[in-house]
Full PDB file with SEQRES, HELIX, SHEET, SSBOND, CRYST1, ORIGX, SCALE, CONECT and MASTER records, all heavy atoms in Angstrom:
SEQRES   1 A   47  GLY VAL ASN ILE THR LEU GLY LEU PRO PHE VAL ARG THR          
SEQRES   2 A   47  SER PRO ASP HIS GLY THR ALA PHE ASP ILE ALA GLY ARG          
SEQRES   3 A   47  GLY VAL ALA ASP ALA ALA SER LEU ALA ALA ALA LEU ALA          
SEQRES   4 A   47  MET ALA ARG ARG LEU ASN ALA ALA                              
HELIX    1 AA1 ALA A   32  ALA A   46  1                                  15    
SHEET    1 AA1 2 VAL A   2  ILE A   4  0                                        
SHEET    2 AA1 2 THR A  13  PRO A  15 -1                                        
CRYST1    1.000    1.000    1.000  90.00  90.00  90.00 P 1           1          
ORIGX1      1.000000  0.000000  0.000000        0.00000                         
ORIGX2      0.000000  1.000000  0.000000        0.00000                         
ORIGX3      0.000000  0.000000  1.000000        0.00000                         
SCALE1      1.000000  0.000000  0.000000        0.00000                         
SCALE2      0.000000  1.000000  0.000000        0.00000                         
SCALE3      0.000000  0.000000  1.000000        0.00000                         
ATOM      1  N   GLY A   1       0.813  -1.230  -0.033  1.00  0.00           N  
ATOM      2  CA  GLY A   1       0.005  -0.011  -0.030  1.00  0.00           C  
ATOM      3  C   GLY A   1       0.832   1.249   0.008  1.00  0.00           C  
ATOM      4  O   GLY A   1       1.840   1.376   0.685  1.00  0.00           O  
ATOM      5  N   VAL A   2       0.417   2.254  -0.780  1.00  0.00           N  
ATOM      6  CA  VAL A   2       1.078   3.513  -0.832  1.00  0.00           C  
ATOM      7  C   VAL A   2       0.051   4.663  -0.676  1.00  0.00           C  
ATOM      8  O   VAL A   2      -1.018   4.662  -1.360  1.00  0.00           O  
ATOM      9  CB  VAL A   2       1.790   3.696  -2.212  1.00  0.00           C  
ATOM     10  CG1 VAL A   2       2.452   5.079  -2.327  1.00  0.00           C  
ATOM     11  CG2 VAL A   2       2.829   2.601  -2.405  1.00  0.00           C  
ATOM     12  N   ASN A   3       0.364   5.604   0.126  1.00  0.00           N  
ATOM     13  CA  ASN A   3      -0.468   6.725   0.354  1.00  0.00           C  
ATOM     14  C   ASN A   3       0.118   7.876  -0.507  1.00  0.00           C  
ATOM     15  O   ASN A   3       1.308   8.152  -0.391  1.00  0.00           O  
ATOM     16  CB  ASN A   3      -0.489   7.147   1.831  1.00  0.00           C  
ATOM     17  CG  ASN A   3      -1.293   8.329   2.175  1.00  0.00           C  
ATOM     18  OD1 ASN A   3      -1.712   9.090   1.323  1.00  0.00           O  
ATOM     19  ND2 ASN A   3      -1.622   8.483   3.406  1.00  0.00           N  
ATOM     20  N   ILE A   4      -0.691   8.475  -1.376  1.00  0.00           N  
ATOM     21  CA  ILE A   4      -0.202   9.533  -2.241  1.00  0.00           C  
ATOM     22  C   ILE A   4      -1.042  10.792  -1.972  1.00  0.00           C  
ATOM     23  O   ILE A   4      -2.295  10.741  -1.916  1.00  0.00           O  
ATOM     24  CB  ILE A   4      -0.396   9.171  -3.796  1.00  0.00           C  
ATOM     25  CG1 ILE A   4       0.362   7.867  -4.077  1.00  0.00           C  
ATOM     26  CG2 ILE A   4       0.077  10.300  -4.662  1.00  0.00           C  
ATOM     27  CD1 ILE A   4       0.032   7.291  -5.443  1.00  0.00           C  
ATOM     28  N   THR A   5      -0.392  11.887  -1.720  1.00  0.00           N  
ATOM     29  CA  THR A   5      -1.104  13.189  -1.455  1.00  0.00           C  
ATOM     30  C   THR A   5      -1.141  13.868  -2.858  1.00  0.00           C  
ATOM     31  O   THR A   5      -0.149  14.157  -3.393  1.00  0.00           O  
ATOM     32  CB  THR A   5      -0.335  13.993  -0.431  1.00  0.00           C  
ATOM     33  OG1 THR A   5      -0.224  13.259   0.777  1.00  0.00           O  
ATOM     34  CG2 THR A   5      -1.134  15.299  -0.156  1.00  0.00           C  
ATOM     35  N   LEU A   6      -2.334  14.161  -3.282  1.00  0.00           N  
ATOM     36  CA  LEU A   6      -2.599  14.849  -4.537  1.00  0.00           C  
ATOM     37  C   LEU A   6      -2.680  16.368  -4.337  1.00  0.00           C  
ATOM     38  O   LEU A   6      -2.953  16.802  -3.244  1.00  0.00           O  
ATOM     39  CB  LEU A   6      -3.838  14.326  -5.198  1.00  0.00           C  
ATOM     40  CG  LEU A   6      -3.943  12.822  -5.420  1.00  0.00           C  
ATOM     41  CD1 LEU A   6      -5.323  12.451  -6.006  1.00  0.00           C  
ATOM     42  CD2 LEU A   6      -2.837  12.376  -6.406  1.00  0.00           C  
ATOM     43  N   GLY A   7      -2.418  17.067  -5.369  1.00  0.00           N  
ATOM     44  CA  GLY A   7      -2.582  18.532  -5.282  1.00  0.00           C  
ATOM     45  C   GLY A   7      -1.461  19.329  -4.794  1.00  0.00           C  
ATOM     46  O   GLY A   7      -1.506  20.524  -4.614  1.00  0.00           O  
ATOM     47  N   LEU A   8      -0.327  18.662  -4.494  1.00  0.00           N  
ATOM     48  CA  LEU A   8       0.813  19.386  -3.993  1.00  0.00           C  
ATOM     49  C   LEU A   8       1.752  19.790  -5.179  1.00  0.00           C  
ATOM     50  O   LEU A   8       1.663  19.116  -6.228  1.00  0.00           O  
ATOM     51  CB  LEU A   8       1.633  18.550  -2.976  1.00  0.00           C  
ATOM     52  CG  LEU A   8       0.901  18.078  -1.755  1.00  0.00           C  
ATOM     53  CD1 LEU A   8       1.804  17.149  -0.959  1.00  0.00           C  
ATOM     54  CD2 LEU A   8       0.533  19.300  -0.899  1.00  0.00           C  
ATOM     55  N   PRO A   9       2.604  20.786  -5.032  1.00  0.00           N  
ATOM     56  CA  PRO A   9       3.506  21.142  -6.114  1.00  0.00           C  
ATOM     57  C   PRO A   9       4.719  20.219  -6.231  1.00  0.00           C  
ATOM     58  O   PRO A   9       5.667  20.470  -6.929  1.00  0.00           O  
ATOM     59  CB  PRO A   9       3.933  22.585  -5.758  1.00  0.00           C  
ATOM     60  CG  PRO A   9       3.798  22.645  -4.330  1.00  0.00           C  
ATOM     61  CD  PRO A   9       2.607  21.737  -3.944  1.00  0.00           C  
ATOM     62  N   PHE A  10       4.700  19.143  -5.440  1.00  0.00           N  
ATOM     63  CA  PHE A  10       5.785  18.145  -5.483  1.00  0.00           C  
ATOM     64  C   PHE A  10       5.157  16.781  -5.220  1.00  0.00           C  
ATOM     65  O   PHE A  10       4.045  16.633  -4.780  1.00  0.00           O  
ATOM     66  CB  PHE A  10       6.817  18.507  -4.404  1.00  0.00           C  
ATOM     67  CG  PHE A  10       6.263  18.716  -3.069  1.00  0.00           C  
ATOM     68  CD1 PHE A  10       6.051  17.608  -2.194  1.00  0.00           C  
ATOM     69  CD2 PHE A  10       5.937  19.969  -2.615  1.00  0.00           C  
ATOM     70  CE1 PHE A  10       5.498  17.787  -0.883  1.00  0.00           C  
ATOM     71  CE2 PHE A  10       5.374  20.166  -1.369  1.00  0.00           C  
ATOM     72  CZ  PHE A  10       5.147  19.075  -0.520  1.00  0.00           C  
ATOM     73  N   VAL A  11       5.978  15.720  -5.532  1.00  0.00           N  
ATOM     74  CA  VAL A  11       5.501  14.358  -5.306  1.00  0.00           C  
ATOM     75  C   VAL A  11       5.674  14.030  -3.859  1.00  0.00           C  
ATOM     76  O   VAL A  11       6.694  14.262  -3.270  1.00  0.00           O  
ATOM     77  CB  VAL A  11       6.308  13.393  -6.181  1.00  0.00           C  
ATOM     78  CG1 VAL A  11       6.019  11.957  -5.870  1.00  0.00           C  
ATOM     79  CG2 VAL A  11       6.097  13.660  -7.685  1.00  0.00           C  
ATOM     80  N   ARG A  12       4.548  13.456  -3.274  1.00  0.00           N  
ATOM     81  CA  ARG A  12       4.553  13.027  -1.836  1.00  0.00           C  
ATOM     82  C   ARG A  12       3.906  11.714  -1.704  1.00  0.00           C  
ATOM     83  O   ARG A  12       2.721  11.565  -2.012  1.00  0.00           O  
ATOM     84  CB  ARG A  12       3.830  14.077  -0.951  1.00  0.00           C  
ATOM     85  CG  ARG A  12       4.074  13.838   0.522  1.00  0.00           C  
ATOM     86  CD  ARG A  12       2.736  13.415   1.091  1.00  0.00           C  
ATOM     87  NE  ARG A  12       2.894  13.020   2.523  1.00  0.00           N  
ATOM     88  CZ  ARG A  12       2.329  11.943   3.012  1.00  0.00           C  
ATOM     89  NH1 ARG A  12       1.519  11.184   2.235  1.00  0.00           N  
ATOM     90  NH2 ARG A  12       2.489  11.613   4.207  1.00  0.00           N  
ATOM     91  N   THR A  13       4.716  10.691  -1.328  1.00  0.00           N  
ATOM     92  CA  THR A  13       4.182   9.327  -1.089  1.00  0.00           C  
ATOM     93  C   THR A  13       4.650   8.919   0.301  1.00  0.00           C  
ATOM     94  O   THR A  13       5.623   9.453   0.835  1.00  0.00           O  
ATOM     95  CB  THR A  13       4.682   8.335  -2.123  1.00  0.00           C  
ATOM     96  OG1 THR A  13       6.060   8.172  -2.010  1.00  0.00           O  
ATOM     97  CG2 THR A  13       4.267   8.752  -3.603  1.00  0.00           C  
ATOM     98  N   SER A  14       3.967   7.942   0.813  1.00  0.00           N  
ATOM     99  CA  SER A  14       4.346   7.376   2.082  1.00  0.00           C  
ATOM    100  C   SER A  14       3.787   5.939   2.127  1.00  0.00           C  
ATOM    101  O   SER A  14       2.843   5.603   1.538  1.00  0.00           O  
ATOM    102  CB  SER A  14       3.896   8.199   3.320  1.00  0.00           C  
ATOM    103  OG  SER A  14       2.532   8.095   3.458  1.00  0.00           O  
ATOM    104  N   PRO A  15       4.430   5.122   3.029  1.00  0.00           N  
ATOM    105  CA  PRO A  15       3.826   3.793   3.303  1.00  0.00           C  
ATOM    106  C   PRO A  15       2.403   4.023   3.805  1.00  0.00           C  
ATOM    107  O   PRO A  15       2.134   4.982   4.488  1.00  0.00           O  
ATOM    108  CB  PRO A  15       4.758   3.163   4.331  1.00  0.00           C  
ATOM    109  CG  PRO A  15       6.004   3.949   4.242  1.00  0.00           C  
ATOM    110  CD  PRO A  15       5.597   5.355   3.825  1.00  0.00           C  
ATOM    111  N   ASP A  16       1.536   3.004   3.629  1.00  0.00           N  
ATOM    112  CA  ASP A  16       0.202   3.177   4.172  1.00  0.00           C  
ATOM    113  C   ASP A  16       0.005   2.686   5.524  1.00  0.00           C  
ATOM    114  O   ASP A  16      -1.118   2.518   5.993  1.00  0.00           O  
ATOM    115  CB  ASP A  16      -0.821   2.522   3.190  1.00  0.00           C  
ATOM    116  CG  ASP A  16      -0.858   0.998   3.378  1.00  0.00           C  
ATOM    117  OD1 ASP A  16       0.008   0.487   3.978  1.00  0.00           O  
ATOM    118  OD2 ASP A  16      -1.732   0.439   2.732  1.00  0.00           O  
ATOM    119  N   HIS A  17       1.130   2.513   6.268  1.00  0.00           N  
ATOM    120  CA  HIS A  17       0.986   2.088   7.649  1.00  0.00           C  
ATOM    121  C   HIS A  17       1.551   3.175   8.594  1.00  0.00           C  
ATOM    122  O   HIS A  17       2.244   4.082   8.108  1.00  0.00           O  
ATOM    123  CB  HIS A  17       1.651   0.737   7.828  1.00  0.00           C  
ATOM    124  CG  HIS A  17       3.106   0.755   7.446  1.00  0.00           C  
ATOM    125  ND1 HIS A  17       4.114   1.346   8.123  1.00  0.00           N  
ATOM    126  CD2 HIS A  17       3.686   0.155   6.368  1.00  0.00           C  
ATOM    127  CE1 HIS A  17       5.234   1.215   7.519  1.00  0.00           C  
ATOM    128  NE2 HIS A  17       5.045   0.481   6.423  1.00  0.00           N  
ATOM    129  N   GLY A  18       1.391   2.991   9.842  1.00  0.00           N  
ATOM    130  CA  GLY A  18       1.929   3.981  10.783  1.00  0.00           C  
ATOM    131  C   GLY A  18       3.325   3.692  11.173  1.00  0.00           C  
ATOM    132  O   GLY A  18       4.108   2.996  10.476  1.00  0.00           O  
ATOM    133  N   THR A  19       3.752   4.261  12.251  1.00  0.00           N  
ATOM    134  CA  THR A  19       5.172   4.175  12.706  1.00  0.00           C  
ATOM    135  C   THR A  19       5.586   2.906  13.340  1.00  0.00           C  
ATOM    136  O   THR A  19       6.791   2.579  13.494  1.00  0.00           O  
ATOM    137  CB  THR A  19       5.504   5.308  13.701  1.00  0.00           C  
ATOM    138  OG1 THR A  19       4.518   5.237  14.718  1.00  0.00           O  
ATOM    139  CG2 THR A  19       5.358   6.673  13.017  1.00  0.00           C  
ATOM    140  N   ALA A  20       4.652   2.077  13.735  1.00  0.00           N  
ATOM    141  CA  ALA A  20       4.907   0.762  14.262  1.00  0.00           C  
ATOM    142  C   ALA A  20       5.836   0.820  15.505  1.00  0.00           C  
ATOM    143  O   ALA A  20       6.772   0.013  15.542  1.00  0.00           O  
ATOM    144  CB  ALA A  20       5.362  -0.208  13.229  1.00  0.00           C  
ATOM    145  N   PHE A  21       5.604   1.686  16.408  1.00  0.00           N  
ATOM    146  CA  PHE A  21       6.406   1.883  17.567  1.00  0.00           C  
ATOM    147  C   PHE A  21       6.500   0.524  18.390  1.00  0.00           C  
ATOM    148  O   PHE A  21       7.516   0.312  19.060  1.00  0.00           O  
ATOM    149  CB  PHE A  21       5.884   2.953  18.510  1.00  0.00           C  
ATOM    150  CG  PHE A  21       6.179   4.314  17.977  1.00  0.00           C  
ATOM    151  CD1 PHE A  21       5.107   5.234  17.872  1.00  0.00           C  
ATOM    152  CD2 PHE A  21       7.393   4.770  17.610  1.00  0.00           C  
ATOM    153  CE1 PHE A  21       5.341   6.493  17.417  1.00  0.00           C  
ATOM    154  CE2 PHE A  21       7.647   6.059  17.135  1.00  0.00           C  
ATOM    155  CZ  PHE A  21       6.605   6.888  17.003  1.00  0.00           C  
ATOM    156  N   ASP A  22       5.516  -0.313  18.279  1.00  0.00           N  
ATOM    157  CA  ASP A  22       5.494  -1.589  19.034  1.00  0.00           C  
ATOM    158  C   ASP A  22       6.621  -2.537  18.561  1.00  0.00           C  
ATOM    159  O   ASP A  22       7.032  -3.346  19.286  1.00  0.00           O  
ATOM    160  CB  ASP A  22       4.126  -2.262  18.950  1.00  0.00           C  
ATOM    161  CG  ASP A  22       3.709  -2.576  17.545  1.00  0.00           C  
ATOM    162  OD1 ASP A  22       3.946  -1.729  16.612  1.00  0.00           O  
ATOM    163  OD2 ASP A  22       3.061  -3.597  17.348  1.00  0.00           O  
ATOM    164  N   ILE A  23       7.118  -2.309  17.302  1.00  0.00           N  
ATOM    165  CA  ILE A  23       8.184  -3.216  16.797  1.00  0.00           C  
ATOM    166  C   ILE A  23       9.430  -2.447  16.386  1.00  0.00           C  
ATOM    167  O   ILE A  23      10.382  -3.071  15.935  1.00  0.00           O  
ATOM    168  CB  ILE A  23       7.647  -4.102  15.635  1.00  0.00           C  
ATOM    169  CG1 ILE A  23       7.244  -3.252  14.449  1.00  0.00           C  
ATOM    170  CG2 ILE A  23       6.590  -5.049  16.110  1.00  0.00           C  
ATOM    171  CD1 ILE A  23       6.958  -4.052  13.189  1.00  0.00           C  
ATOM    172  N   ALA A  24       9.424  -1.159  16.598  1.00  0.00           N  
ATOM    173  CA  ALA A  24      10.596  -0.365  16.217  1.00  0.00           C  
ATOM    174  C   ALA A  24      11.827  -0.770  16.925  1.00  0.00           C  
ATOM    175  O   ALA A  24      11.824  -1.075  18.116  1.00  0.00           O  
ATOM    176  CB  ALA A  24      10.313   1.124  16.544  1.00  0.00           C  
ATOM    177  N   GLY A  25      12.913  -0.929  16.145  1.00  0.00           N  
ATOM    178  CA  GLY A  25      14.243  -1.268  16.689  1.00  0.00           C  
ATOM    179  C   GLY A  25      14.401  -2.731  16.955  1.00  0.00           C  
ATOM    180  O   GLY A  25      15.436  -3.173  17.475  1.00  0.00           O  
ATOM    181  N   ARG A  26      13.468  -3.577  16.606  1.00  0.00           N  
ATOM    182  CA  ARG A  26      13.498  -4.999  16.894  1.00  0.00           C  
ATOM    183  C   ARG A  26      13.965  -5.842  15.655  1.00  0.00           C  
ATOM    184  O   ARG A  26      14.217  -7.019  15.785  1.00  0.00           O  
ATOM    185  CB  ARG A  26      12.150  -5.543  17.379  1.00  0.00           C  
ATOM    186  CG  ARG A  26      11.824  -4.964  18.728  1.00  0.00           C  
ATOM    187  CD  ARG A  26      10.458  -5.361  19.252  1.00  0.00           C  
ATOM    188  NE  ARG A  26      10.146  -6.842  19.081  1.00  0.00           N  
ATOM    189  CZ  ARG A  26       8.958  -7.287  19.002  1.00  0.00           C  
ATOM    190  NH1 ARG A  26       7.872  -6.492  19.205  1.00  0.00           N  
ATOM    191  NH2 ARG A  26       8.762  -8.589  18.851  1.00  0.00           N  
ATOM    192  N   GLY A  27      14.080  -5.164  14.549  1.00  0.00           N  
ATOM    193  CA  GLY A  27      14.526  -5.880  13.317  1.00  0.00           C  
ATOM    194  C   GLY A  27      13.504  -6.771  12.707  1.00  0.00           C  
ATOM    195  O   GLY A  27      13.840  -7.722  11.989  1.00  0.00           O  
ATOM    196  N   VAL A  28      12.215  -6.509  12.959  1.00  0.00           N  
ATOM    197  CA  VAL A  28      11.135  -7.428  12.447  1.00  0.00           C  
ATOM    198  C   VAL A  28      10.243  -6.697  11.486  1.00  0.00           C  
ATOM    199  O   VAL A  28       9.337  -7.361  10.934  1.00  0.00           O  
ATOM    200  CB  VAL A  28      10.357  -8.077  13.599  1.00  0.00           C  
ATOM    201  CG1 VAL A  28      11.279  -8.976  14.420  1.00  0.00           C  
ATOM    202  CG2 VAL A  28       9.698  -7.066  14.400  1.00  0.00           C  
ATOM    203  N   ALA A  29      10.411  -5.438  11.255  1.00  0.00           N  
ATOM    204  CA  ALA A  29       9.512  -4.663  10.411  1.00  0.00           C  
ATOM    205  C   ALA A  29       9.692  -5.079   8.935  1.00  0.00           C  
ATOM    206  O   ALA A  29      10.799  -5.462   8.465  1.00  0.00           O  
ATOM    207  CB  ALA A  29       9.770  -3.155  10.573  1.00  0.00           C  
ATOM    208  N   ASP A  30       8.565  -5.081   8.234  1.00  0.00           N  
ATOM    209  CA  ASP A  30       8.599  -5.402   6.816  1.00  0.00           C  
ATOM    210  C   ASP A  30       8.652  -4.086   6.084  1.00  0.00           C  
ATOM    211  O   ASP A  30       7.785  -3.226   6.179  1.00  0.00           O  
ATOM    212  CB  ASP A  30       7.323  -6.128   6.425  1.00  0.00           C  
ATOM    213  CG  ASP A  30       7.254  -6.603   4.987  1.00  0.00           C  
ATOM    214  OD1 ASP A  30       8.082  -6.069   4.131  1.00  0.00           O  
ATOM    215  OD2 ASP A  30       6.403  -7.469   4.664  1.00  0.00           O  
ATOM    216  N   ALA A  31       9.687  -3.871   5.198  1.00  0.00           N  
ATOM    217  CA  ALA A  31       9.913  -2.580   4.490  1.00  0.00           C  
ATOM    218  C   ALA A  31       9.248  -2.583   3.158  1.00  0.00           C  
ATOM    219  O   ALA A  31       9.454  -1.630   2.391  1.00  0.00           O  
ATOM    220  CB  ALA A  31      11.368  -2.404   4.359  1.00  0.00           C  
ATOM    221  N   ALA A  32       8.375  -3.577   2.823  1.00  0.00           N  
ATOM    222  CA  ALA A  32       7.832  -3.662   1.476  1.00  0.00           C  
ATOM    223  C   ALA A  32       7.012  -2.409   1.143  1.00  0.00           C  
ATOM    224  O   ALA A  32       7.036  -1.941   0.024  1.00  0.00           O  
ATOM    225  CB  ALA A  32       6.944  -4.869   1.366  1.00  0.00           C  
ATOM    226  N   SER A  33       6.163  -1.941   2.061  1.00  0.00           N  
ATOM    227  CA  SER A  33       5.366  -0.771   1.817  1.00  0.00           C  
ATOM    228  C   SER A  33       6.221   0.504   1.596  1.00  0.00           C  
ATOM    229  O   SER A  33       5.918   1.329   0.791  1.00  0.00           O  
ATOM    230  CB  SER A  33       4.341  -0.503   2.920  1.00  0.00           C  
ATOM    231  OG  SER A  33       3.476   0.545   2.594  1.00  0.00           O  
ATOM    232  N   LEU A  34       7.310   0.633   2.337  1.00  0.00           N  
ATOM    233  CA  LEU A  34       8.257   1.698   2.079  1.00  0.00           C  
ATOM    234  C   LEU A  34       8.863   1.666   0.748  1.00  0.00           C  
ATOM    235  O   LEU A  34       8.930   2.653   0.014  1.00  0.00           O  
ATOM    236  CB  LEU A  34       9.317   1.757   3.190  1.00  0.00           C  
ATOM    237  CG  LEU A  34      10.447   2.774   3.015  1.00  0.00           C  
ATOM    238  CD1 LEU A  34       9.893   4.206   3.068  1.00  0.00           C  
ATOM    239  CD2 LEU A  34      11.555   2.626   4.146  1.00  0.00           C  
ATOM    240  N   ALA A  35       9.292   0.464   0.408  1.00  0.00           N  
ATOM    241  CA  ALA A  35       9.908   0.257  -0.977  1.00  0.00           C  
ATOM    242  C   ALA A  35       8.846   0.554  -2.029  1.00  0.00           C  
ATOM    243  O   ALA A  35       9.173   1.247  -3.073  1.00  0.00           O  
ATOM    244  CB  ALA A  35      10.402  -1.140  -1.138  1.00  0.00           C  
ATOM    245  N   ALA A  36       7.588   0.232  -1.833  1.00  0.00           N  
ATOM    246  CA  ALA A  36       6.522   0.469  -2.792  1.00  0.00           C  
ATOM    247  C   ALA A  36       6.291   2.010  -2.857  1.00  0.00           C  
ATOM    248  O   ALA A  36       6.121   2.555  -3.973  1.00  0.00           O  
ATOM    249  CB  ALA A  36       5.249  -0.170  -2.410  1.00  0.00           C  
ATOM    250  N   ALA A  37       6.330   2.683  -1.746  1.00  0.00           N  
ATOM    251  CA  ALA A  37       6.157   4.171  -1.775  1.00  0.00           C  
ATOM    252  C   ALA A  37       7.291   4.861  -2.427  1.00  0.00           C  
ATOM    253  O   ALA A  37       7.029   5.829  -3.221  1.00  0.00           O  
ATOM    254  CB  ALA A  37       6.050   4.674  -0.334  1.00  0.00           C  
ATOM    255  N   LEU A  38       8.494   4.407  -2.315  1.00  0.00           N  
ATOM    256  CA  LEU A  38       9.609   5.011  -3.032  1.00  0.00           C  
ATOM    257  C   LEU A  38       9.545   4.779  -4.472  1.00  0.00           C  
ATOM    258  O   LEU A  38       9.817   5.611  -5.292  1.00  0.00           O  
ATOM    259  CB  LEU A  38      10.944   4.480  -2.416  1.00  0.00           C  
ATOM    260  CG  LEU A  38      11.257   4.867  -1.023  1.00  0.00           C  
ATOM    261  CD1 LEU A  38      12.455   4.103  -0.444  1.00  0.00           C  
ATOM    262  CD2 LEU A  38      11.571   6.373  -0.945  1.00  0.00           C  
ATOM    263  N   ALA A  39       9.148   3.538  -4.866  1.00  0.00           N  
ATOM    264  CA  ALA A  39       9.022   3.205  -6.256  1.00  0.00           C  
ATOM    265  C   ALA A  39       7.898   4.030  -6.920  1.00  0.00           C  
ATOM    266  O   ALA A  39       8.120   4.537  -7.994  1.00  0.00           O  
ATOM    267  CB  ALA A  39       8.766   1.721  -6.419  1.00  0.00           C  
ATOM    268  N   MET A  40       6.807   4.243  -6.188  1.00  0.00           N  
ATOM    269  CA  MET A  40       5.741   5.058  -6.722  1.00  0.00           C  
ATOM    270  C   MET A  40       6.172   6.554  -6.875  1.00  0.00           C  
ATOM    271  O   MET A  40       5.863   7.179  -7.833  1.00  0.00           O  
ATOM    272  CB  MET A  40       4.486   4.998  -5.806  1.00  0.00           C  
ATOM    273  CG  MET A  40       3.361   5.831  -6.282  1.00  0.00           C  
ATOM    274  SD  MET A  40       2.719   5.415  -7.929  1.00  0.00           S  
ATOM    275  CE  MET A  40       1.938   3.833  -7.535  1.00  0.00           C  
ATOM    276  N   ALA A  41       6.893   6.995  -5.913  1.00  0.00           N  
ATOM    277  CA  ALA A  41       7.439   8.397  -5.975  1.00  0.00           C  
ATOM    278  C   ALA A  41       8.345   8.528  -7.209  1.00  0.00           C  
ATOM    279  O   ALA A  41       8.217   9.557  -7.882  1.00  0.00           O  
ATOM    280  CB  ALA A  41       8.230   8.764  -4.675  1.00  0.00           C  
ATOM    281  N   ARG A  42       9.140   7.548  -7.467  1.00  0.00           N  
ATOM    282  CA  ARG A  42      10.041   7.637  -8.676  1.00  0.00           C  
ATOM    283  C   ARG A  42       9.152   7.641  -9.934  1.00  0.00           C  
ATOM    284  O   ARG A  42       9.398   8.427 -10.863  1.00  0.00           O  
ATOM    285  CB  ARG A  42      10.960   6.448  -8.744  1.00  0.00           C  
ATOM    286  CG  ARG A  42      12.180   6.633  -7.821  1.00  0.00           C  
ATOM    287  CD  ARG A  42      13.260   5.624  -8.068  1.00  0.00           C  
ATOM    288  NE  ARG A  42      12.820   4.245  -7.864  1.00  0.00           N  
ATOM    289  CZ  ARG A  42      12.888   3.527  -6.772  1.00  0.00           C  
ATOM    290  NH1 ARG A  42      13.456   4.144  -5.695  1.00  0.00           N  
ATOM    291  NH2 ARG A  42      12.447   2.315  -6.713  1.00  0.00           N  
ATOM    292  N   ARG A  43       8.119   6.753  -9.990  1.00  0.00           N  
ATOM    293  CA  ARG A  43       7.236   6.715 -11.166  1.00  0.00           C  
ATOM    294  C   ARG A  43       6.533   8.027 -11.379  1.00  0.00           C  
ATOM    295  O   ARG A  43       6.380   8.524 -12.517  1.00  0.00           O  
ATOM    296  CB  ARG A  43       6.245   5.569 -11.070  1.00  0.00           C  
ATOM    297  CG  ARG A  43       6.807   4.240 -11.299  1.00  0.00           C  
ATOM    298  CD  ARG A  43       5.809   3.090 -11.121  1.00  0.00           C  
ATOM    299  NE  ARG A  43       4.562   3.342 -11.846  1.00  0.00           N  
ATOM    300  CZ  ARG A  43       3.421   2.788 -11.529  1.00  0.00           C  
ATOM    301  NH1 ARG A  43       3.316   2.049 -10.423  1.00  0.00           N  
ATOM    302  NH2 ARG A  43       2.319   3.018 -12.187  1.00  0.00           N  
ATOM    303  N   LEU A  44       5.953   8.552 -10.331  1.00  0.00           N  
ATOM    304  CA  LEU A  44       5.244   9.822 -10.412  1.00  0.00           C  
ATOM    305  C   LEU A  44       6.147  11.009 -10.773  1.00  0.00           C  
ATOM    306  O   LEU A  44       5.781  11.839 -11.576  1.00  0.00           O  
ATOM    307  CB  LEU A  44       4.519  10.131  -9.073  1.00  0.00           C  
ATOM    308  CG  LEU A  44       3.389   9.209  -8.689  1.00  0.00           C  
ATOM    309  CD1 LEU A  44       2.904   9.512  -7.272  1.00  0.00           C  
ATOM    310  CD2 LEU A  44       2.258   9.291  -9.720  1.00  0.00           C  
ATOM    311  N   ASN A  45       7.364  11.008 -10.187  1.00  0.00           N  
ATOM    312  CA  ASN A  45       8.356  12.104 -10.507  1.00  0.00           C  
ATOM    313  C   ASN A  45       8.720  12.022 -11.986  1.00  0.00           C  
ATOM    314  O   ASN A  45       8.884  13.042 -12.667  1.00  0.00           O  
ATOM    315  CB  ASN A  45       9.496  12.001  -9.591  1.00  0.00           C  
ATOM    316  CG  ASN A  45      10.390  13.221  -9.779  1.00  0.00           C  
ATOM    317  OD1 ASN A  45       9.958  14.363  -9.577  1.00  0.00           O  
ATOM    318  ND2 ASN A  45      11.669  12.940 -10.140  1.00  0.00           N  
ATOM    319  N   ALA A  46       8.961  10.831 -12.475  1.00  0.00           N  
ATOM    320  CA  ALA A  46       9.365  10.666 -13.907  1.00  0.00           C  
ATOM    321  C   ALA A  46       8.224  11.112 -14.836  1.00  0.00           C  
ATOM    322  O   ALA A  46       8.523  11.600 -15.961  1.00  0.00           O  
ATOM    323  CB  ALA A  46       9.696   9.211 -14.169  1.00  0.00           C  
ATOM    324  N   ALA A  47       6.978  10.963 -14.435  1.00  0.00           N  
ATOM    325  CA  ALA A  47       5.873  11.342 -15.260  1.00  0.00           C  
ATOM    326  C   ALA A  47       5.393  12.727 -15.135  1.00  0.00           C  
ATOM    327  O   ALA A  47       4.591  13.301 -15.863  1.00  0.00           O  
ATOM    328  CB  ALA A  47       4.648  10.377 -14.985  1.00  0.00           C  
TER     329      ALA A  47                                                      
MASTER        0    0    0    1    2    0    0    6  328    1    0    4          
END                                                                             
């Protein structure tokens, strides 16, 4: 999941989940949504 903010003068994406403080620093977080947000930002910026 990727959250995209429309209507801004720049590309803004983020993972669709919160900060996950309950697992922060434990090495168990899944970075797939962050990677998807970065990939989407690249696609939107290129377009």
